[in-house]
Amino acid sequence: MQRDFASHMIAGASNRLALPEHRQIELYAKRKILTFAEAAPACELPLANIAGVCRAFLALDAVLAPSAEGVSTWDRYTGLPRKCLQEKVTAELYRVLRAARLVTFHPQGHVEIEDGIVKFNGAINKVALSLEISAAGLVLLESAAAYYLNSGPPYPEAYVEAMLLRYFTDIVAEIKKFGDEDCMLYQFRPKYTFNRHFRFDCDNPKTRTHGDFLEIETGPRHSDAALYPIDFYVTASDELHIIPAEALKDGKLPLADLELWRARLPAGAGLPADFRLRFTRETPAPNQPMT
């Protein structure tokens, strides 16, 4: 339930607030001229993106460290689990978001933009925090946190790990400077060249087991995973698997790796109901036009 709250929080408010509405009314024919201050110069900072990053940190913090009240955010970071690569990447994502959140709202924090780079800098609790990143990087930070908070079933842990690692690799490329208590920002080597921009869902792949491999037939047109990042929904041993094209080599997946891509579903349960809209089936009538 906490994760559901956090995922809605990071998505932004969809509620229509009942704030006071101000409208002019003229009760008399004689008008009075009011005086107004000069308008402040427009702010070049991407305020919505900065607010989104701060909101992302709060949502992630609520999920990763729900019982850490009274503990510093740095101690929360160092206490995060790191048993697998996904947890390590998530911890570093938390760390970058933390720097932006602390600097933005601290009295000694300063946020400015120079040559298109948003610079978060401040001496906070005797620690020099610094994050200098592009506006696109801010969007990626918020998006990565949102993906993590929504990365529940049915996707396998290996799939979520590959997606988060792709996000984090792109985020690091947008960071021009970073510094906190530990100075060095950890980086990771992706196992797959994973496409985070879009995915194709295929629920009827042609498969066969040959030796120690599961072979998925794609044909020459769709064999390039960079152009066609396909997620194959494969049932093997009466269990559903979601296998990304990037995990295949020459259309083959070692059977030893099949368990990595087993869908996270309760025994006997189907896909979530909202997945129904992804897959359409309509049998065309013979000798009839398409429209």
C-alpha atoms as a PDB file:
ATOM      1  CA  MET A   1       0.000   0.000   0.000  1.00  0.00           C
ATOM      2  CA  GLN A   2       2.868   2.419   0.786  1.00  0.00           C
ATOM      3  CA  ARG A   3       4.294   1.821  -2.675  1.00  0.00           C
ATOM      4  CA  ASP A   4       0.894   2.624  -4.237  1.00  0.00           C
ATOM      5  CA  PHE A   5       0.741   5.898  -2.317  1.00  0.00           C
ATOM      6  CA  ALA A   6       4.268   6.788  -3.403  1.00  0.00           C
ATOM      7  CA  SER A   7       3.669   6.001  -7.086  1.00  0.00           C
ATOM      8  CA  HIS A   8       0.607   8.284  -7.113  1.00  0.00           C
ATOM      9  CA  MET A   9       2.569  10.950  -5.270  1.00  0.00           C
ATOM     10  CA  ILE A  10       5.357  11.041  -7.828  1.00  0.00           C
ATOM     11  CA  ALA A  11       2.883  11.159 -10.705  1.00  0.00           C
ATOM     12  CA  GLY A  12       1.745  14.564  -9.515  1.00  0.00           C
ATOM     13  CA  ALA A  13      -1.629  15.772  -8.373  1.00  0.00           C
ATOM     14  CA  SER A  14      -4.588  14.825 -10.556  1.00  0.00           C
ATOM     15  CA  ASN A  15      -7.081  16.265  -8.080  1.00  0.00           C
ATOM     16  CA  ARG A  16      -8.727  19.538  -8.928  1.00  0.00           C
ATOM     17  CA  LEU A  17      -8.086  21.717  -5.894  1.00  0.00           C
ATOM     18  CA  ALA A  18     -10.914  23.858  -4.501  1.00  0.00           C
ATOM     19  CA  LEU A  19      -8.899  27.063  -4.196  1.00  0.00           C
ATOM     20  CA  PRO A  20     -10.525  30.508  -4.044  1.00  0.00           C
ATOM     21  CA  GLU A  21     -11.467  32.001  -7.412  1.00  0.00           C
ATOM     22  CA  HIS A  22     -10.920  35.740  -7.907  1.00  0.00           C
ATOM     23  CA  ARG A  23     -13.016  37.643 -10.429  1.00  0.00           C
ATOM     24  CA  GLN A  24     -13.424  41.372 -10.916  1.00  0.00           C
ATOM     25  CA  ILE A  25     -16.738  43.007 -10.173  1.00  0.00           C
ATOM     26  CA  GLU A  26     -17.566  46.690 -10.871  1.00  0.00           C
ATOM     27  CA  LEU A  27     -20.137  48.169  -8.515  1.00  0.00           C
ATOM     28  CA  TYR A  28     -19.754  51.786  -9.601  1.00  0.00           C
ATOM     29  CA  ALA A  29     -19.275  53.629 -12.878  1.00  0.00           C
ATOM     30  CA  LYS A  30     -16.268  55.556 -11.562  1.00  0.00           C
ATOM     31  CA  ARG A  31     -13.163  53.435 -11.848  1.00  0.00           C
ATOM     32  CA  LYS A  32     -10.225  53.486  -9.490  1.00  0.00           C
ATOM     33  CA  ILE A  33      -6.693  53.008 -10.822  1.00  0.00           C
ATOM     34  CA  LEU A  34      -4.589  50.724  -8.637  1.00  0.00           C
ATOM     35  CA  THR A  35      -0.827  50.727  -8.573  1.00  0.00           C
ATOM     36  CA  PHE A  36       1.152  47.538  -9.129  1.00  0.00           C
ATOM     37  CA  ALA A  37       4.746  46.524  -8.606  1.00  0.00           C
ATOM     38  CA  GLU A  38       6.917  45.816 -11.600  1.00  0.00           C
ATOM     39  CA  ALA A  39       6.789  42.221 -12.735  1.00  0.00           C
ATOM     40  CA  ALA A  40       9.773  40.180 -11.659  1.00  0.00           C
ATOM     41  CA  PRO A  41      12.015  38.951 -14.479  1.00  0.00           C
ATOM     42  CA  ALA A  42      11.095  35.513 -15.699  1.00  0.00           C
ATOM     43  CA  CYS A  43      12.972  32.699 -13.987  1.00  0.00           C
ATOM     44  CA  GLU A  44      15.003  30.551 -16.372  1.00  0.00           C
ATOM     45  CA  LEU A  45      15.188  27.654 -13.951  1.00  0.00           C
ATOM     46  CA  PRO A  46      13.062  24.633 -14.927  1.00  0.00           C
ATOM     47  CA  LEU A  47      11.008  24.921 -11.751  1.00  0.00           C
ATOM     48  CA  ALA A  48       8.586  22.133 -12.656  1.00  0.00           C
ATOM     49  CA  ASN A  49      11.479  19.725 -13.234  1.00  0.00           C
ATOM     50  CA  ILE A  50      13.159  20.714  -9.982  1.00  0.00           C
ATOM     51  CA  ALA A  51       9.889  20.262  -8.096  1.00  0.00           C
ATOM     52  CA  GLY A  52       9.465  16.872  -9.761  1.00  0.00           C
ATOM     53  CA  VAL A  53      12.904  15.726  -8.614  1.00  0.00           C
ATOM     54  CA  CYS A  54      12.192  16.821  -5.037  1.00  0.00           C
ATOM     55  CA  ARG A  55       8.838  15.045  -5.131  1.00  0.00           C
ATOM     56  CA  ALA A  56      10.561  11.943  -6.502  1.00  0.00           C
ATOM     57  CA  PHE A  57      12.998  11.901  -3.580  1.00  0.00           C
ATOM     58  CA  LEU A  58      10.205  12.191  -1.020  1.00  0.00           C
ATOM     59  CA  ALA A  59       8.293   9.328  -2.642  1.00  0.00           C
ATOM     60  CA  LEU A  60      11.379   7.128  -2.903  1.00  0.00           C
ATOM     61  CA  ASP A  61      12.418   7.924   0.656  1.00  0.00           C
ATOM     62  CA  ALA A  62       8.973   6.964   1.935  1.00  0.00           C
ATOM     63  CA  VAL A  63       9.279   3.529   0.323  1.00  0.00           C
ATOM     64  CA  LEU A  64      12.963   2.743   0.876  1.00  0.00           C
ATOM     65  CA  ALA A  65      13.265   4.076   4.429  1.00  0.00           C
ATOM     66  CA  PRO A  66       9.740   4.120   5.899  1.00  0.00           C
ATOM     67  CA  SER A  67      10.842   3.629   9.529  1.00  0.00           C
ATOM     68  CA  ALA A  68      13.925   5.864   9.588  1.00  0.00           C
ATOM     69  CA  GLU A  69      12.524   8.919  11.336  1.00  0.00           C
ATOM     70  CA  GLY A  70      15.186  10.836  13.230  1.00  0.00           C
ATOM     71  CA  VAL A  71      17.900   9.300  11.042  1.00  0.00           C
ATOM     72  CA  SER A  72      19.812  11.509   8.627  1.00  0.00           C
ATOM     73  CA  THR A  73      19.211  10.985   4.933  1.00  0.00           C
ATOM     74  CA  TRP A  74      22.882  10.036   4.523  1.00  0.00           C
ATOM     75  CA  ASP A  75      22.515   7.296   7.145  1.00  0.00           C
ATOM     76  CA  ARG A  76      19.360   6.178   5.352  1.00  0.00           C
ATOM     77  CA  TYR A  77      21.341   5.935   2.119  1.00  0.00           C
ATOM     78  CA  THR A  78      24.192   3.967   3.686  1.00  0.00           C
ATOM     79  CA  GLY A  79      21.644   1.646   5.309  1.00  0.00           C
ATOM     80  CA  LEU A  80      19.879   0.734   2.080  1.00  0.00           C
ATOM     81  CA  PRO A  81      20.209  -2.931   1.035  1.00  0.00           C
ATOM     82  CA  ARG A  82      22.742  -3.742  -1.693  1.00  0.00           C
ATOM     83  CA  LYS A  83      22.428  -7.486  -2.110  1.00  0.00           C
ATOM     84  CA  CYS A  84      21.793  -7.336  -5.855  1.00  0.00           C
ATOM     85  CA  LEU A  85      22.519  -4.980  -8.733  1.00  0.00           C
ATOM     86  CA  GLN A  86      18.988  -3.580  -8.745  1.00  0.00           C
ATOM     87  CA  GLU A  87      19.306  -2.547  -5.091  1.00  0.00           C
ATOM     88  CA  LYS A  88      22.702  -0.960  -5.759  1.00  0.00           C
ATOM     89  CA  VAL A  89      21.357   1.091  -8.664  1.00  0.00           C
ATOM     90  CA  THR A  90      18.293   2.152  -6.655  1.00  0.00           C
ATOM     91  CA  ALA A  91      20.526   3.284  -3.785  1.00  0.00           C
ATOM     92  CA  GLU A  92      22.574   5.481  -6.136  1.00  0.00           C
ATOM     93  CA  LEU A  93      19.391   6.926  -7.626  1.00  0.00           C
ATOM     94  CA  TYR A  94      18.270   7.780  -4.081  1.00  0.00           C
ATOM     95  CA  ARG A  95      21.661   9.391  -3.462  1.00  0.00           C
ATOM     96  CA  VAL A  96      21.482  11.728  -6.470  1.00  0.00           C
ATOM     97  CA  LEU A  97      17.887  12.719  -5.717  1.00  0.00           C
ATOM     98  CA  ARG A  98      18.861  13.374  -2.107  1.00  0.00           C
ATOM     99  CA  ALA A  99      21.460  15.961  -3.114  1.00  0.00           C
ATOM    100  CA  ALA A 100      18.947  17.866  -5.236  1.00  0.00           C
ATOM    101  CA  ARG A 101      16.274  17.763  -2.533  1.00  0.00           C
ATOM    102  CA  LEU A 102      18.564  18.939   0.298  1.00  0.00           C
ATOM    103  CA  VAL A 103      20.107  21.814  -1.637  1.00  0.00           C
ATOM    104  CA  THR A 104      16.780  23.054  -3.009  1.00  0.00           C
ATOM    105  CA  PHE A 105      15.161  23.627   0.373  1.00  0.00           C
ATOM    106  CA  HIS A 106      18.123  24.357   2.647  1.00  0.00           C
ATOM    107  CA  PRO A 107      18.852  27.984   3.642  1.00  0.00           C
ATOM    108  CA  GLN A 108      22.474  27.526   2.570  1.00  0.00           C
ATOM    109  CA  GLY A 109      21.503  25.855  -0.665  1.00  0.00           C
ATOM    110  CA  HIS A 110      21.667  27.633  -3.994  1.00  0.00           C
ATOM    111  CA  VAL A 111      20.119  26.609  -7.311  1.00  0.00           C
ATOM    112  CA  GLU A 112      20.971  28.373 -10.550  1.00  0.00           C
ATOM    113  CA  ILE A 113      21.204  27.671 -14.254  1.00  0.00           C
ATOM    114  CA  GLU A 114      24.227  28.436 -16.390  1.00  0.00           C
ATOM    115  CA  ASP A 115      24.729  27.464 -20.023  1.00  0.00           C
ATOM    116  CA  GLY A 116      21.795  25.066 -19.786  1.00  0.00           C
ATOM    117  CA  ILE A 117      23.158  23.262 -16.709  1.00  0.00           C
ATOM    118  CA  VAL A 118      21.091  23.323 -13.519  1.00  0.00           C
ATOM    119  CA  LYS A 119      23.489  23.704 -10.597  1.00  0.00           C
ATOM    120  CA  PHE A 120      22.569  22.599  -7.062  1.00  0.00           C
ATOM    121  CA  ASN A 121      25.285  23.683  -4.628  1.00  0.00           C
ATOM    122  CA  GLY A 122      25.421  24.293  -0.900  1.00  0.00           C
ATOM    123  CA  ALA A 123      27.366  23.677   2.305  1.00  0.00           C
ATOM    124  CA  ILE A 124      24.835  21.711   4.337  1.00  0.00           C
ATOM    125  CA  ASN A 125      25.677  20.335   7.774  1.00  0.00           C
ATOM    126  CA  LYS A 126      29.369  21.013   7.058  1.00  0.00           C
ATOM    127  CA  VAL A 127      29.205  18.945   3.856  1.00  0.00           C
ATOM    128  CA  ALA A 128      29.624  20.431   0.395  1.00  0.00           C
ATOM    129  CA  LEU A 129      26.763  19.067  -1.707  1.00  0.00           C
ATOM    130  CA  SER A 130      26.879  19.556  -5.442  1.00  0.00           C
ATOM    131  CA  LEU A 131      24.813  18.316  -8.361  1.00  0.00           C
ATOM    132  CA  GLU A 132      25.199  19.920 -11.747  1.00  0.00           C
ATOM    133  CA  ILE A 133      22.964  18.309 -14.332  1.00  0.00           C
ATOM    134  CA  SER A 134      21.084  19.092 -17.524  1.00  0.00           C
ATOM    135  CA  ALA A 135      17.344  19.721 -17.529  1.00  0.00           C
ATOM    136  CA  ALA A 136      16.937  16.468 -19.461  1.00  0.00           C
ATOM    137  CA  GLY A 137      18.788  14.728 -16.637  1.00  0.00           C
ATOM    138  CA  LEU A 138      16.260  16.060 -14.124  1.00  0.00           C
ATOM    139  CA  VAL A 139      13.461  14.519 -16.176  1.00  0.00           C
ATOM    140  CA  LEU A 140      15.338  11.218 -16.267  1.00  0.00           C
ATOM    141  CA  LEU A 141      15.830  11.272 -12.497  1.00  0.00           C
ATOM    142  CA  GLU A 142      12.140  11.748 -11.871  1.00  0.00           C
ATOM    143  CA  SER A 143      11.239   9.165 -14.512  1.00  0.00           C
ATOM    144  CA  ALA A 144      13.605   6.549 -13.096  1.00  0.00           C
ATOM    145  CA  ALA A 145      12.113   6.939  -9.628  1.00  0.00           C
ATOM    146  CA  ALA A 146       8.605   6.685 -11.063  1.00  0.00           C
ATOM    147  CA  TYR A 147       9.551   3.547 -12.989  1.00  0.00           C
ATOM    148  CA  TYR A 148      10.999   1.935  -9.871  1.00  0.00           C
ATOM    149  CA  LEU A 149       7.906   2.697  -7.805  1.00  0.00           C
ATOM    150  CA  ASN A 150       5.681   1.207 -10.512  1.00  0.00           C
ATOM    151  CA  SER A 151       7.924  -1.788 -11.252  1.00  0.00           C
ATOM    152  CA  GLY A 152       5.891  -4.428  -9.513  1.00  0.00           C
ATOM    153  CA  PRO A 153       4.539  -7.653 -11.005  1.00  0.00           C
ATOM    154  CA  PRO A 154       4.463  -9.114 -13.554  1.00  0.00           C
ATOM    155  CA  TYR A 155       7.906  -7.984 -14.744  1.00  0.00           C
ATOM    156  CA  PRO A 156      10.812 -10.179 -13.562  1.00  0.00           C
ATOM    157  CA  GLU A 157      13.477  -8.733 -11.306  1.00  0.00           C
ATOM    158  CA  ALA A 158      16.059  -9.099 -14.097  1.00  0.00           C
ATOM    159  CA  TYR A 159      13.865  -6.991 -16.406  1.00  0.00           C
ATOM    160  CA  VAL A 160      13.443  -4.225 -13.827  1.00  0.00           C
ATOM    161  CA  GLU A 161      17.163  -4.303 -13.140  1.00  0.00           C
ATOM    162  CA  ALA A 162      18.006  -3.878 -16.839  1.00  0.00           C
ATOM    163  CA  MET A 163      15.565  -0.985 -17.205  1.00  0.00           C
ATOM    164  CA  LEU A 164      16.781   0.845 -14.093  1.00  0.00           C
ATOM    165  CA  LEU A 165      20.389   0.365 -15.112  1.00  0.00           C
ATOM    166  CA  ARG A 166      19.632   1.898 -18.513  1.00  0.00           C
ATOM    167  CA  TYR A 167      17.992   4.877 -16.821  1.00  0.00           C
ATOM    168  CA  PHE A 168      20.897   5.350 -14.436  1.00  0.00           C
ATOM    169  CA  THR A 169      23.492   5.089 -17.209  1.00  0.00           C
ATOM    170  CA  ASP A 170      21.700   7.850 -19.112  1.00  0.00           C
ATOM    171  CA  ILE A 171      21.380   9.948 -15.945  1.00  0.00           C
ATOM    172  CA  VAL A 172      25.124   9.735 -15.265  1.00  0.00           C
ATOM    173  CA  ALA A 173      25.764  10.954 -18.808  1.00  0.00           C
ATOM    174  CA  GLU A 174      23.739  14.102 -18.000  1.00  0.00           C
ATOM    175  CA  ILE A 175      25.578  14.830 -14.714  1.00  0.00           C
ATOM    176  CA  LYS A 176      28.449  17.283 -15.116  1.00  0.00           C
ATOM    177  CA  LYS A 177      29.479  17.449 -11.458  1.00  0.00           C
ATOM    178  CA  PHE A 178      28.536  15.575  -8.299  1.00  0.00           C
ATOM    179  CA  GLY A 179      29.733  15.688  -4.726  1.00  0.00           C
ATOM    180  CA  ASP A 180      28.421  14.630  -1.323  1.00  0.00           C
ATOM    181  CA  GLU A 181      29.772  12.906   1.808  1.00  0.00           C
ATOM    182  CA  ASP A 182      31.429  10.190  -0.283  1.00  0.00           C
ATOM    183  CA  CYS A 183      32.299  12.294  -3.350  1.00  0.00           C
ATOM    184  CA  MET A 184      32.439   9.425  -5.822  1.00  0.00           C
ATOM    185  CA  LEU A 185      29.213   8.429  -7.585  1.00  0.00           C
ATOM    186  CA  TYR A 186      29.133   4.704  -8.294  1.00  0.00           C
ATOM    187  CA  GLN A 187      28.687   3.572 -11.874  1.00  0.00           C
ATOM    188  CA  PHE A 188      27.747   0.206 -13.318  1.00  0.00           C
ATOM    189  CA  ARG A 189      28.376  -1.656 -16.546  1.00  0.00           C
ATOM    190  CA  PRO A 190      25.117  -2.645 -18.267  1.00  0.00           C
ATOM    191  CA  LYS A 191      24.830  -6.300 -19.216  1.00  0.00           C
ATOM    192  CA  TYR A 192      22.389  -5.524 -22.024  1.00  0.00           C
ATOM    193  CA  THR A 193      21.971  -2.606 -24.415  1.00  0.00           C
ATOM    194  CA  PHE A 194      18.432  -2.131 -23.126  1.00  0.00           C
ATOM    195  CA  ASN A 195      15.938   0.204 -24.790  1.00  0.00           C
ATOM    196  CA  ARG A 196      14.015   2.222 -22.201  1.00  0.00           C
ATOM    197  CA  HIS A 197      12.260   4.508 -24.709  1.00  0.00           C
ATOM    198  CA  PHE A 198       9.640   2.073 -25.963  1.00  0.00           C
ATOM    199  CA  ARG A 199       8.867  -1.644 -25.982  1.00  0.00           C
ATOM    200  CA  PHE A 200       6.963  -3.976 -28.287  1.00  0.00           C
ATOM    201  CA  ASP A 201       4.828  -6.644 -26.597  1.00  0.00           C
ATOM    202  CA  CYS A 202       4.569  -9.978 -28.399  1.00  0.00           C
ATOM    203  CA  ASP A 203       2.258 -12.602 -26.897  1.00  0.00           C
ATOM    204  CA  ASN A 204       2.446 -15.184 -29.721  1.00  0.00           C
ATOM    205  CA  PRO A 205       6.126 -15.837 -30.446  1.00  0.00           C
ATOM    206  CA  LYS A 206       7.155 -19.044 -32.181  1.00  0.00           C
ATOM    207  CA  THR A 207       9.516 -20.917 -29.886  1.00  0.00           C
ATOM    208  CA  ARG A 208      11.286 -24.248 -29.722  1.00  0.00           C
ATOM    209  CA  THR A 209      13.799 -25.903 -27.443  1.00  0.00           C
ATOM    210  CA  HIS A 210      16.976 -26.980 -29.173  1.00  0.00           C
ATOM    211  CA  GLY A 211      19.708 -28.479 -27.028  1.00  0.00           C
ATOM    212  CA  ASP A 212      20.460 -26.152 -24.130  1.00  0.00           C
ATOM    213  CA  PHE A 213      18.727 -23.169 -25.698  1.00  0.00           C
ATOM    214  CA  LEU A 214      15.270 -21.725 -26.133  1.00  0.00           C
ATOM    215  CA  GLU A 215      14.981 -20.381 -29.656  1.00  0.00           C
ATOM    216  CA  ILE A 216      12.554 -17.586 -30.513  1.00  0.00           C
ATOM    217  CA  GLU A 217      11.787 -17.056 -34.172  1.00  0.00           C
ATOM    218  CA  THR A 218      11.664 -13.396 -35.130  1.00  0.00           C
ATOM    219  CA  GLY A 219      12.598 -13.406 -38.779  1.00  0.00           C
ATOM    220  CA  PRO A 220      15.245 -11.168 -40.321  1.00  0.00           C
ATOM    221  CA  ARG A 221      13.026  -8.079 -40.278  1.00  0.00           C
ATOM    222  CA  HIS A 222      12.635  -8.015 -36.479  1.00  0.00           C
ATOM    223  CA  SER A 223      15.934  -9.564 -35.448  1.00  0.00           C
ATOM    224  CA  ASP A 224      17.614  -6.238 -34.618  1.00  0.00           C
ATOM    225  CA  ALA A 225      16.820  -5.588 -30.945  1.00  0.00           C
ATOM    226  CA  ALA A 226      17.908  -1.953 -31.278  1.00  0.00           C
ATOM    227  CA  LEU A 227      15.151  -1.310 -33.844  1.00  0.00           C
ATOM    228  CA  TYR A 228      12.644  -3.769 -32.415  1.00  0.00           C
ATOM    229  CA  PRO A 229      13.013  -3.999 -28.620  1.00  0.00           C
ATOM    230  CA  ILE A 230      10.460  -6.769 -28.221  1.00  0.00           C
ATOM    231  CA  ASP A 231       9.254  -8.312 -24.984  1.00  0.00           C
ATOM    232  CA  PHE A 232       8.331 -11.927 -25.729  1.00  0.00           C
ATOM    233  CA  TYR A 233       5.594 -13.406 -23.526  1.00  0.00           C
ATOM    234  CA  VAL A 234       6.584 -17.063 -23.504  1.00  0.00           C
ATOM    235  CA  THR A 235       4.900 -19.877 -21.597  1.00  0.00           C
ATOM    236  CA  ALA A 236       7.394 -22.591 -20.671  1.00  0.00           C
ATOM    237  CA  SER A 237       6.846 -25.369 -18.132  1.00  0.00           C
ATOM    238  CA  ASP A 238       3.336 -23.965 -17.584  1.00  0.00           C
ATOM    239  CA  GLU A 239       4.767 -20.651 -16.383  1.00  0.00           C
ATOM    240  CA  LEU A 240       4.778 -17.269 -18.081  1.00  0.00           C
ATOM    241  CA  HIS A 241       8.083 -15.600 -18.885  1.00  0.00           C
ATOM    242  CA  ILE A 242       8.719 -12.065 -20.179  1.00  0.00           C
ATOM    243  CA  ILE A 243      11.924 -12.235 -22.210  1.00  0.00           C
ATOM    244  CA  PRO A 244      13.366  -9.026 -23.696  1.00  0.00           C
ATOM    245  CA  ALA A 245      14.931  -9.252 -27.135  1.00  0.00           C
ATOM    246  CA  GLU A 246      18.156  -7.813 -25.716  1.00  0.00           C
ATOM    247  CA  ALA A 247      18.633 -10.992 -23.646  1.00  0.00           C
ATOM    248  CA  LEU A 248      18.779 -13.131 -26.803  1.00  0.00           C
ATOM    249  CA  LYS A 249      21.872 -13.892 -28.840  1.00  0.00           C
ATOM    250  CA  ASP A 250      21.124 -14.901 -32.388  1.00  0.00           C
ATOM    251  CA  GLY A 251      17.548 -15.473 -31.290  1.00  0.00           C
ATOM    252  CA  LYS A 252      18.568 -17.896 -28.541  1.00  0.00           C
ATOM    253  CA  LEU A 253      18.340 -17.848 -24.756  1.00  0.00           C
ATOM    254  CA  PRO A 254      20.235 -20.394 -22.632  1.00  0.00           C
ATOM    255  CA  LEU A 255      17.738 -22.555 -20.768  1.00  0.00           C
ATOM    256  CA  ALA A 256      19.826 -21.920 -17.657  1.00  0.00           C
ATOM    257  CA  ASP A 257      18.801 -18.237 -17.889  1.00  0.00           C
ATOM    258  CA  LEU A 258      15.099 -18.896 -18.381  1.00  0.00           C
ATOM    259  CA  GLU A 259      14.308 -18.608 -14.676  1.00  0.00           C
ATOM    260  CA  LEU A 260      15.624 -15.018 -14.678  1.00  0.00           C
ATOM    261  CA  TRP A 261      12.729 -13.979 -16.887  1.00  0.00           C
ATOM    262  CA  ARG A 262       9.891 -15.787 -15.130  1.00  0.00           C
ATOM    263  CA  ALA A 263       6.994 -13.392 -14.622  1.00  0.00           C
ATOM    264  CA  ARG A 264       6.280 -12.400 -11.041  1.00  0.00           C
ATOM    265  CA  LEU A 265       2.732 -13.664 -10.680  1.00  0.00           C
ATOM    266  CA  PRO A 266       0.948 -15.613  -7.962  1.00  0.00           C
ATOM    267  CA  ALA A 267       0.495 -19.289  -8.761  1.00  0.00           C
ATOM    268  CA  GLY A 268      -2.302 -19.736 -11.270  1.00  0.00           C
ATOM    269  CA  ALA A 269      -2.870 -15.988 -11.665  1.00  0.00           C
ATOM    270  CA  GLY A 270      -3.035 -14.174 -14.982  1.00  0.00           C
ATOM    271  CA  LEU A 271      -1.577 -10.853 -16.017  1.00  0.00           C
ATOM    272  CA  PRO A 272      -2.937  -7.671 -14.396  1.00  0.00           C
ATOM    273  CA  ALA A 273      -6.241  -6.577 -15.876  1.00  0.00           C
ATOM    274  CA  ASP A 274      -4.805  -3.366 -17.347  1.00  0.00           C
ATOM    275  CA  PHE A 275      -2.495  -5.460 -19.557  1.00  0.00           C
ATOM    276  CA  ARG A 276      -5.554  -6.545 -21.561  1.00  0.00           C
ATOM    277  CA  LEU A 277      -5.478  -3.263 -23.487  1.00  0.00           C
ATOM    278  CA  ARG A 278      -1.966  -4.022 -24.770  1.00  0.00           C
ATOM    279  CA  PHE A 279      -3.029  -7.079 -26.694  1.00  0.00           C
ATOM    280  CA  THR A 280      -5.761  -7.022 -29.322  1.00  0.00           C
ATOM    281  CA  ARG A 281      -7.130  -9.874 -31.330  1.00  0.00           C
ATOM    282  CA  GLU A 282      -9.534  -9.536 -34.217  1.00  0.00           C
ATOM    283  CA  THR A 283      -9.944 -12.276 -36.784  1.00  0.00           C
ATOM    284  CA  PRO A 284     -10.430 -10.646 -40.178  1.00  0.00           C
ATOM    285  CA  ALA A 285     -13.249 -11.980 -42.294  1.00  0.00           C
ATOM    286  CA  PRO A 286     -12.004 -13.538 -45.539  1.00  0.00           C
ATOM    287  CA  ASN A 287     -12.322 -11.523 -48.721  1.00  0.00           C
ATOM    288  CA  GLN A 288     -13.303  -8.412 -46.811  1.00  0.00           C
ATOM    289  CA  PRO A 289     -11.611  -4.998 -46.964  1.00  0.00           C
ATOM    290  CA  MET A 290      -9.586  -3.860 -43.958  1.00  0.00           C
ATOM    291  CA  THR A 291     -11.828  -0.808 -43.424  1.00  0.00           C
END
